[in-house]
Amino acid sequence: MFNKIDQTQTRLAESVYEQIFDAIVRGSIVPGTKLIQETLATELAVSRTPVREALLRLEQEGILEFVPRRGFFVRDISETEVNDLYEARIAIEGFAARAVAEAGNPQALKKLEKIIRSQSETEPISIVDAFRANQTVHRGVVEATVNPVLLELFDSVWTRSIGLRMYAHAFSPEKYVQHVVNEHIPLLDALLAGDGERAEKEMVAHIQAGRDVQLAARQSPHPD
């Protein structure tokens, strides 16, 4: 499941974190799984210290749950929490889309256009690629508001929602192209037109569609 980590790296904990995170997004590690420090350290060829640092970070981000005297487990997520997280995304990203469109900053819009169009031209080869690409687009919109507090809220919500395997359970790379890439183009058109109301509506509709896919996927153990 994991690749041995180069011991010459200065940020071992970061590398451990990335591998565990990616495994959760891919679905290789399912909710309820216990993560054993000694086993992870052996598979990754590192000491227990960077492994524990990574696990503590994942716990702080709401991806793992620590049970006293039992250890770290991958958290599951309830339907209520799915809805709560998507409502938070609508509030943050809907506002951001309107603000960016109405601000009409040429440099910010040019950067966003480059990001979105590049994603529409490159099909992801894995679910992790799909997640990273989608996150880049949505984070780019929020980042363009030049509001560090808004960006911090975005990062917090996205880490919780994606780290809990919601994304991997609902999407395949093929579905990503249809649901994510194609739906970003209308949003881009609204942003470039400076139409704040339409940009907000496009963003909200896109997020709501993602929520519906997530909720539907929870009803089936084998997403297609």
Protein backbone atom coordinates (compact mmCIF):
# COMPACT_ATOMS: atom_id res chain seq x y z
CA MET A 1 0.00 0.00 0.00
CA PHE A 2 2.78 2.40 0.90
CA ASN A 3 6.18 3.26 -0.59
CA LYS A 4 9.32 3.41 1.52
CA ILE A 5 10.31 7.00 2.24
CA ASP A 6 13.71 8.42 1.44
CA GLN A 7 15.37 8.94 4.81
CA THR A 8 17.35 11.91 3.47
CA GLN A 9 14.15 13.97 3.31
CA THR A 10 14.00 16.68 5.96
CA ARG A 11 10.22 16.58 6.30
CA LEU A 12 9.55 12.93 6.98
CA ALA A 13 6.28 13.61 8.81
CA GLU A 14 4.97 15.50 5.77
CA SER A 15 5.79 12.59 3.47
CA VAL A 16 4.12 10.12 5.83
CA TYR A 17 1.06 12.37 6.03
CA GLU A 18 0.77 12.61 2.23
CA GLN A 19 0.93 8.85 1.75
CA ILE A 20 -1.69 8.11 4.39
CA PHE A 21 -3.92 10.91 3.14
CA ASP A 22 -3.68 9.68 -0.46
CA ALA A 23 -4.47 6.12 0.64
CA ILE A 24 -7.64 7.35 2.36
CA VAL A 25 -8.70 9.38 -0.69
CA ARG A 26 -8.07 6.39 -2.98
CA GLY A 27 -10.17 4.20 -0.74
CA SER A 28 -7.27 1.86 0.07
CA ILE A 29 -7.93 2.62 3.73
CA VAL A 30 -11.64 2.50 4.58
CA PRO A 31 -13.54 4.11 7.46
CA GLY A 32 -13.15 2.20 10.71
CA THR A 33 -9.66 0.97 9.88
CA LYS A 34 -7.18 1.08 12.75
CA LEU A 35 -3.82 2.65 11.83
CA ILE A 36 -1.04 0.95 13.77
CA GLN A 37 2.05 3.11 14.21
CA GLU A 38 4.52 0.23 14.26
CA THR A 39 3.09 -1.28 11.07
CA LEU A 40 3.11 2.06 9.26
CA ALA A 41 6.66 2.77 10.36
CA THR A 42 7.81 -0.59 9.01
CA GLU A 43 6.01 -0.21 5.66
CA LEU A 44 7.30 3.34 5.19
CA ALA A 45 10.80 2.53 6.48
CA VAL A 46 10.81 5.36 8.99
CA SER A 47 10.83 5.65 12.77
CA ARG A 48 7.63 5.93 14.79
CA THR A 49 8.16 9.67 15.45
CA PRO A 50 7.20 11.03 11.99
CA VAL A 51 4.37 8.49 11.83
CA ARG A 52 2.92 9.74 15.11
CA GLU A 53 3.28 13.36 13.96
CA ALA A 54 1.38 12.55 10.78
CA LEU A 55 -1.37 10.70 12.65
CA LEU A 56 -1.80 13.56 15.12
CA ARG A 57 -2.13 15.99 12.23
CA LEU A 58 -4.74 13.80 10.56
CA GLU A 59 -6.62 13.63 13.86
CA GLN A 60 -6.56 17.43 14.21
CA GLU A 61 -7.99 17.74 10.70
CA GLY A 62 -10.87 15.44 11.54
CA ILE A 63 -9.70 12.61 9.28
CA LEU A 64 -8.76 10.24 12.08
CA GLU A 65 -10.26 9.60 15.48
CA PHE A 66 -8.15 8.71 18.51
CA VAL A 67 -9.73 6.23 20.92
CA PRO A 68 -7.95 6.03 24.32
CA ARG A 69 -6.13 2.72 24.86
CA ARG A 70 -7.12 1.60 21.35
CA GLY A 71 -5.36 3.95 18.95
CA PHE A 72 -6.11 5.87 15.74
CA PHE A 73 -9.01 4.97 13.45
CA VAL A 74 -10.20 6.40 10.13
CA ARG A 75 -13.38 8.33 10.84
CA ASP A 76 -16.64 7.58 9.12
CA ILE A 77 -19.03 10.40 8.26
CA SER A 78 -22.77 10.70 8.75
CA GLU A 79 -25.26 12.00 6.22
CA THR A 80 -25.84 14.97 8.50
CA GLU A 81 -22.15 15.82 8.47
CA VAL A 82 -22.07 15.53 4.67
CA ASN A 83 -24.85 18.11 4.46
CA ASP A 84 -23.19 20.35 7.05
CA LEU A 85 -19.89 20.35 5.19
CA TYR A 86 -21.50 21.11 1.86
CA GLU A 87 -23.53 23.94 3.39
CA ALA A 88 -20.27 25.41 4.69
CA ARG A 89 -18.75 25.09 1.20
CA ILE A 90 -21.75 26.87 -0.33
CA ALA A 91 -21.38 29.76 2.12
CA ILE A 92 -17.63 30.13 1.58
CA GLU A 93 -17.26 29.39 -2.12
CA GLY A 94 -20.54 30.96 -3.25
CA PHE A 95 -19.55 34.21 -1.60
CA ALA A 96 -16.04 33.97 -3.03
CA ALA A 97 -17.29 33.47 -6.60
CA ARG A 98 -19.50 36.56 -6.40
CA ALA A 99 -16.76 38.64 -4.81
CA VAL A 100 -14.16 37.67 -7.41
CA ALA A 101 -16.52 38.34 -10.33
CA GLU A 102 -17.55 41.73 -8.99
CA ALA A 103 -13.98 42.74 -8.15
CA GLY A 104 -12.98 42.17 -11.78
CA ASN A 105 -9.26 41.93 -11.02
CA PRO A 106 -7.67 41.20 -14.44
CA GLN A 107 -4.63 39.41 -13.01
CA ALA A 108 -6.69 37.21 -10.68
CA LEU A 109 -9.15 36.35 -13.44
CA LYS A 110 -6.37 35.53 -15.88
CA LYS A 111 -4.79 33.17 -13.33
CA LEU A 112 -8.14 31.48 -12.68
CA GLU A 113 -8.83 31.07 -16.38
CA LYS A 114 -5.46 29.40 -16.84
CA ILE A 115 -6.13 27.00 -13.96
CA ILE A 116 -9.62 26.03 -15.11
CA ARG A 117 -8.80 25.64 -18.79
CA SER A 118 -5.71 23.57 -18.02
CA GLN A 119 -7.87 21.16 -16.00
CA SER A 120 -10.36 20.86 -18.86
CA GLU A 121 -7.55 19.78 -21.18
CA THR A 122 -6.01 17.14 -18.90
CA GLU A 123 -7.87 14.03 -17.81
CA PRO A 124 -6.83 12.70 -14.37
CA ILE A 125 -5.37 9.21 -14.24
CA SER A 126 -6.34 8.50 -10.64
CA ILE A 127 -8.84 9.61 -8.03
CA VAL A 128 -6.07 11.42 -6.17
CA ASP A 129 -5.24 13.39 -9.32
CA ALA A 130 -8.91 14.23 -9.67
CA PHE A 131 -9.14 15.45 -6.09
CA ARG A 132 -6.01 17.59 -6.37
CA ALA A 133 -7.17 19.13 -9.66
CA ASN A 134 -10.63 19.95 -8.33
CA GLN A 135 -9.20 21.40 -5.14
CA THR A 136 -6.85 23.61 -7.17
CA VAL A 137 -9.76 25.16 -9.06
CA HIS A 138 -11.94 25.81 -6.01
CA ARG A 139 -9.07 27.04 -3.88
CA GLY A 140 -8.04 29.34 -6.73
CA VAL A 141 -11.44 31.04 -6.62
CA VAL A 142 -11.26 31.59 -2.86
CA GLU A 143 -7.63 32.67 -3.03
CA ALA A 144 -8.57 35.31 -5.62
CA THR A 145 -10.65 37.10 -2.94
CA VAL A 146 -7.34 37.99 -1.21
CA ASN A 147 -9.03 37.18 2.09
CA PRO A 148 -6.73 34.97 4.23
CA VAL A 149 -9.47 34.16 6.75
CA LEU A 150 -11.78 32.93 3.99
CA LEU A 151 -8.96 30.83 2.57
CA GLU A 152 -8.27 29.31 6.00
CA LEU A 153 -11.93 28.36 6.33
CA PHE A 154 -11.86 26.81 2.86
CA ASP A 155 -8.82 24.68 3.70
CA SER A 156 -10.41 23.49 6.93
CA VAL A 157 -13.68 22.43 5.30
CA TRP A 158 -12.01 20.76 2.33
CA THR A 159 -9.62 18.76 4.48
CA ARG A 160 -12.48 17.43 6.60
CA SER A 161 -14.80 16.65 3.71
CA ILE A 162 -12.26 15.02 1.44
CA GLY A 163 -10.15 13.34 4.08
CA LEU A 164 -13.19 11.42 5.23
CA ARG A 165 -13.18 9.51 1.92
CA MET A 166 -16.30 11.22 0.65
CA TYR A 167 -14.67 12.08 -2.62
CA ALA A 168 -13.16 8.68 -3.33
CA HIS A 169 -16.43 6.94 -2.55
CA ALA A 170 -18.46 9.07 -4.97
CA PHE A 171 -16.20 9.73 -7.94
CA SER A 172 -14.11 7.89 -10.48
CA PRO A 173 -11.68 9.71 -12.81
CA GLU A 174 -14.27 9.30 -15.58
CA LYS A 175 -17.03 10.86 -13.49
CA TYR A 176 -14.63 13.64 -12.55
CA VAL A 177 -14.33 14.79 -16.17
CA GLN A 178 -18.09 15.03 -16.57
CA HIS A 179 -19.00 16.47 -13.16
CA VAL A 180 -16.04 18.69 -12.36
CA VAL A 181 -14.35 19.88 -15.53
CA ASN A 182 -17.46 20.56 -17.57
CA GLU A 183 -19.18 22.40 -14.73
CA HIS A 184 -16.23 24.70 -14.13
CA ILE A 185 -16.54 26.27 -17.59
CA PRO A 186 -19.91 28.02 -16.95
CA LEU A 187 -18.47 29.31 -13.68
CA LEU A 188 -15.45 30.66 -15.53
CA ASP A 189 -17.70 32.38 -18.09
CA ALA A 190 -19.60 34.14 -15.31
CA LEU A 191 -16.39 35.21 -13.57
CA LEU A 192 -14.91 36.64 -16.77
CA ALA A 193 -18.17 38.46 -17.52
CA GLY A 194 -18.06 40.13 -14.11
CA ASP A 195 -21.52 38.78 -13.32
CA GLY A 196 -21.40 38.25 -9.57
CA GLU A 197 -24.93 36.90 -9.23
CA ARG A 198 -24.47 34.33 -12.00
CA ALA A 199 -21.02 33.33 -10.70
CA GLU A 200 -22.48 32.66 -7.26
CA LYS A 201 -25.38 30.66 -8.73
CA GLU A 202 -23.02 28.56 -10.87
CA MET A 203 -20.78 27.82 -7.89
CA VAL A 204 -23.69 26.95 -5.60
CA ALA A 205 -25.32 24.70 -8.23
CA HIS A 206 -21.99 22.93 -8.80
CA ILE A 207 -21.47 22.30 -5.08
CA GLN A 208 -25.05 21.12 -4.62
CA ALA A 209 -24.60 18.66 -7.50
CA GLY A 210 -21.48 17.32 -5.80
CA ARG A 211 -23.38 16.92 -2.55
CA ASP A 212 -26.14 14.97 -4.33
CA VAL A 213 -23.53 12.64 -5.86
CA GLN A 214 -21.99 12.08 -2.44
CA LEU A 215 -25.32 11.28 -0.80
CA ALA A 216 -26.34 8.94 -3.61
CA ALA A 217 -22.97 7.13 -3.41
CA ARG A 218 -23.56 6.45 0.29
CA GLN A 219 -26.55 4.32 -0.69
CA SER A 220 -24.38 2.01 -2.79
CA PRO A 221 -21.29 0.09 -1.58
CA HIS A 222 -19.95 -0.03 -5.13
CA PRO A 223 -19.93 3.38 -6.84
CA ASP A 224 -19.73 3.13 -10.62
